[in-house]
Amino acid sequence: MEEILANLGNYGFPMVVAAYLLVRVEKKLDTLTLAIKDLQQAIGYLYTGLAGPNPTPPRNVNAILSRPGSSQP
């Protein structure tokens, strides 16, 4: 019984920390996935805007282009 409790003490805490970090990383990956999709839409909008008339903007192109560090056409 003491061996089980010792193993639980030795391995339980690292397992809980690893599970917590995996959940946090998963949320950040979801956010990054959405940001990459938005960037793809914005680049496509800018490309078609230069290549042809009347492109349809993505749903949040104004928010993307108005972020600090981005250059507006």
N, C-alpha and C. Protein backbone atom coordinates (compact mmCIF):
# COMPACT_ATOMS: atom_id res chain seq x y z
N MET A 1 0.83 -1.19 0.00
CA MET A 1 0.00 0.00 0.00
C MET A 1 0.88 1.26 0.00
N GLU A 2 1.96 1.21 0.79
CA GLU A 2 2.84 2.37 0.85
C GLU A 2 3.52 2.62 -0.50
N GLU A 3 3.81 1.53 -1.20
CA GLU A 3 4.45 1.68 -2.51
C GLU A 3 3.49 2.36 -3.50
N ILE A 4 2.23 2.02 -3.44
CA ILE A 4 1.24 2.64 -4.32
C ILE A 4 1.13 4.13 -4.02
N LEU A 5 1.09 4.49 -2.75
CA LEU A 5 1.01 5.90 -2.38
C LEU A 5 2.28 6.66 -2.78
N ALA A 6 3.42 6.03 -2.66
CA ALA A 6 4.67 6.67 -3.06
C ALA A 6 4.70 6.89 -4.57
N ASN A 7 4.26 5.89 -5.33
CA ASN A 7 4.21 6.04 -6.78
C ASN A 7 3.20 7.10 -7.20
N LEU A 8 2.08 7.15 -6.50
CA LEU A 8 1.08 8.18 -6.78
C LEU A 8 1.65 9.56 -6.51
N GLY A 9 2.40 9.70 -5.45
CA GLY A 9 3.04 10.97 -5.13
C GLY A 9 4.11 11.34 -6.13
N ASN A 10 4.85 10.36 -6.61
CA ASN A 10 5.94 10.62 -7.55
C ASN A 10 5.45 10.88 -8.97
N TYR A 11 4.39 10.19 -9.38
CA TYR A 11 3.94 10.28 -10.77
C TYR A 11 2.63 11.04 -10.95
N GLY A 12 1.86 11.16 -9.89
CA GLY A 12 0.56 11.83 -9.99
C GLY A 12 0.67 13.30 -10.31
N PHE A 13 1.53 14.01 -9.58
CA PHE A 13 1.68 15.45 -9.80
C PHE A 13 2.18 15.77 -11.21
N PRO A 14 3.23 15.11 -11.71
CA PRO A 14 3.65 15.39 -13.09
C PRO A 14 2.56 15.08 -14.12
N MET A 15 1.75 14.05 -13.87
CA MET A 15 0.68 13.74 -14.80
C MET A 15 -0.38 14.84 -14.81
N VAL A 16 -0.71 15.37 -13.65
CA VAL A 16 -1.70 16.44 -13.57
C VAL A 16 -1.17 17.70 -14.26
N VAL A 17 0.09 18.03 -14.03
CA VAL A 17 0.69 19.21 -14.66
C VAL A 17 0.73 19.03 -16.18
N ALA A 18 1.09 17.86 -16.65
CA ALA A 18 1.14 17.59 -18.09
C ALA A 18 -0.25 17.72 -18.71
N ALA A 19 -1.26 17.19 -18.05
CA ALA A 19 -2.63 17.29 -18.58
C ALA A 19 -3.08 18.75 -18.63
N TYR A 20 -2.77 19.51 -17.60
CA TYR A 20 -3.14 20.94 -17.57
C TYR A 20 -2.45 21.70 -18.70
N LEU A 21 -1.18 21.44 -18.92
CA LEU A 21 -0.45 22.12 -19.99
C LEU A 21 -0.96 21.72 -21.37
N LEU A 22 -1.34 20.46 -21.54
CA LEU A 22 -1.89 20.02 -22.82
C LEU A 22 -3.21 20.73 -23.13
N VAL A 23 -4.03 20.94 -22.12
CA VAL A 23 -5.29 21.64 -22.33
C VAL A 23 -5.03 23.09 -22.72
N ARG A 24 -4.07 23.74 -22.06
CA ARG A 24 -3.75 25.13 -22.39
C ARG A 24 -3.18 25.24 -23.80
N VAL A 25 -2.31 24.32 -24.17
CA VAL A 25 -1.71 24.36 -25.50
C VAL A 25 -2.78 24.12 -26.56
N GLU A 26 -3.73 23.25 -26.29
CA GLU A 26 -4.79 22.97 -27.25
C GLU A 26 -5.61 24.23 -27.54
N LYS A 27 -5.92 25.01 -26.51
CA LYS A 27 -6.66 26.25 -26.71
C LYS A 27 -5.86 27.23 -27.56
N LYS A 28 -4.58 27.33 -27.29
CA LYS A 28 -3.74 28.23 -28.06
C LYS A 28 -3.61 27.76 -29.51
N LEU A 29 -3.56 26.47 -29.74
CA LEU A 29 -3.50 25.94 -31.10
C LEU A 29 -4.78 26.26 -31.86
N ASP A 30 -5.92 26.19 -31.18
CA ASP A 30 -7.18 26.55 -31.83
C ASP A 30 -7.16 28.02 -32.23
N THR A 31 -6.65 28.89 -31.36
CA THR A 31 -6.56 30.31 -31.66
C THR A 31 -5.61 30.56 -32.84
N LEU A 32 -4.49 29.87 -32.84
CA LEU A 32 -3.53 30.02 -33.94
C LEU A 32 -4.11 29.52 -35.26
N THR A 33 -4.88 28.45 -35.21
CA THR A 33 -5.51 27.93 -36.42
C THR A 33 -6.46 28.96 -37.02
N LEU A 34 -7.27 29.59 -36.16
CA LEU A 34 -8.18 30.63 -36.65
C LEU A 34 -7.41 31.82 -37.21
N ALA A 35 -6.32 32.20 -36.56
CA ALA A 35 -5.53 33.33 -37.05
C ALA A 35 -4.91 33.02 -38.41
N ILE A 36 -4.47 31.79 -38.61
CA ILE A 36 -3.88 31.41 -39.90
C ILE A 36 -4.95 31.42 -40.98
N LYS A 37 -6.16 30.96 -40.67
CA LYS A 37 -7.24 31.00 -41.66
C LYS A 37 -7.59 32.45 -42.01
N ASP A 38 -7.64 33.32 -41.01
CA ASP A 38 -7.91 34.74 -41.27
C ASP A 38 -6.82 35.36 -42.12
N LEU A 39 -5.60 35.01 -41.85
CA LEU A 39 -4.48 35.53 -42.63
C LEU A 39 -4.56 35.05 -44.08
N GLN A 40 -4.92 33.80 -44.26
CA GLN A 40 -5.07 33.25 -45.60
C GLN A 40 -6.16 34.02 -46.36
N GLN A 41 -7.27 34.31 -45.70
CA GLN A 41 -8.34 35.07 -46.34
C GLN A 41 -7.88 36.48 -46.67
N ALA A 42 -7.17 37.12 -45.76
CA ALA A 42 -6.71 38.49 -46.00
C ALA A 42 -5.72 38.54 -47.16
N ILE A 43 -4.82 37.58 -47.22
CA ILE A 43 -3.85 37.54 -48.32
C ILE A 43 -4.57 37.30 -49.64
N GLY A 44 -5.54 36.40 -49.63
CA GLY A 44 -6.31 36.15 -50.84
C GLY A 44 -7.08 37.39 -51.27
N TYR A 45 -7.63 38.12 -50.32
CA TYR A 45 -8.35 39.35 -50.63
C TYR A 45 -7.41 40.39 -51.23
N LEU A 46 -6.25 40.54 -50.64
CA LEU A 46 -5.29 41.52 -51.16
C LEU A 46 -4.80 41.11 -52.54
N TYR A 47 -4.58 39.82 -52.74
CA TYR A 47 -4.09 39.34 -54.03
C TYR A 47 -5.15 39.56 -55.11
N THR A 48 -6.39 39.18 -54.82
CA THR A 48 -7.44 39.37 -55.82
C THR A 48 -7.75 40.85 -56.01
N GLY A 49 -7.54 41.65 -54.98
CA GLY A 49 -7.76 43.09 -55.10
C GLY A 49 -6.77 43.71 -56.07
N LEU A 50 -5.57 43.19 -56.08
CA LEU A 50 -4.57 43.70 -57.02
C LEU A 50 -4.75 43.10 -58.42
N ALA A 51 -5.32 41.90 -58.47
CA ALA A 51 -5.41 41.20 -59.75
C ALA A 51 -6.71 41.47 -60.50
N GLY A 52 -7.79 41.81 -59.80
CA GLY A 52 -9.05 41.96 -60.50
C GLY A 52 -10.01 42.91 -59.81
N PRO A 53 -11.10 43.24 -60.49
CA PRO A 53 -12.06 44.18 -59.92
C PRO A 53 -13.02 43.51 -58.94
N ASN A 54 -13.49 44.29 -57.98
CA ASN A 54 -14.55 43.91 -57.04
C ASN A 54 -14.32 42.59 -56.30
N PRO A 55 -13.23 42.44 -55.59
CA PRO A 55 -13.07 41.22 -54.80
C PRO A 55 -13.98 41.27 -53.58
N THR A 56 -14.38 40.14 -53.09
CA THR A 56 -15.20 40.11 -51.88
C THR A 56 -14.28 39.96 -50.68
N PRO A 57 -14.35 40.89 -49.73
CA PRO A 57 -13.45 40.83 -48.59
C PRO A 57 -13.84 39.72 -47.63
N PRO A 58 -12.87 39.16 -46.90
CA PRO A 58 -13.19 38.18 -45.87
C PRO A 58 -13.96 38.85 -44.75
N ARG A 59 -14.49 38.07 -43.85
CA ARG A 59 -15.40 38.58 -42.83
C ARG A 59 -14.77 39.63 -41.93
N ASN A 60 -13.49 39.60 -41.68
CA ASN A 60 -12.89 40.55 -40.75
C ASN A 60 -11.63 41.19 -41.32
N VAL A 61 -11.63 41.49 -42.61
CA VAL A 61 -10.43 42.03 -43.23
C VAL A 61 -10.07 43.39 -42.64
N ASN A 62 -11.04 44.20 -42.29
CA ASN A 62 -10.73 45.51 -41.71
C ASN A 62 -10.04 45.37 -40.36
N ALA A 63 -10.47 44.42 -39.56
CA ALA A 63 -9.82 44.20 -38.26
C ALA A 63 -8.40 43.70 -38.45
N ILE A 64 -8.20 42.84 -39.45
CA ILE A 64 -6.87 42.30 -39.71
C ILE A 64 -5.93 43.40 -40.18
N LEU A 65 -6.41 44.23 -41.10
CA LEU A 65 -5.56 45.26 -41.67
C LEU A 65 -5.32 46.42 -40.72
N SER A 66 -6.18 46.60 -39.71
CA SER A 66 -6.01 47.71 -38.79
C SER A 66 -5.18 47.34 -37.57
N ARG A 67 -4.72 46.09 -37.49
CA ARG A 67 -3.87 45.68 -36.36
C ARG A 67 -2.53 46.40 -36.43
N PRO A 68 -1.94 46.65 -35.27
CA PRO A 68 -0.61 47.28 -35.27
C PRO A 68 0.40 46.41 -35.99
N GLY A 69 1.23 47.04 -36.79
CA GLY A 69 2.27 46.31 -37.51
C GLY A 69 1.86 45.85 -38.88
N SER A 70 0.57 46.02 -39.23
CA SER A 70 0.16 45.62 -40.57
C SER A 70 0.09 46.86 -41.45
N SER A 71 0.39 46.67 -42.72
CA SER A 71 0.35 47.79 -43.64
C SER A 71 -0.92 47.74 -44.47
N GLN A 72 -1.57 48.84 -44.59
CA GLN A 72 -2.80 48.91 -45.38
C GLN A 72 -2.47 49.24 -46.83
N PRO A 73 -3.24 48.65 -47.76
CA PRO A 73 -2.98 48.92 -49.17
C PRO A 73 -3.40 50.33 -49.57
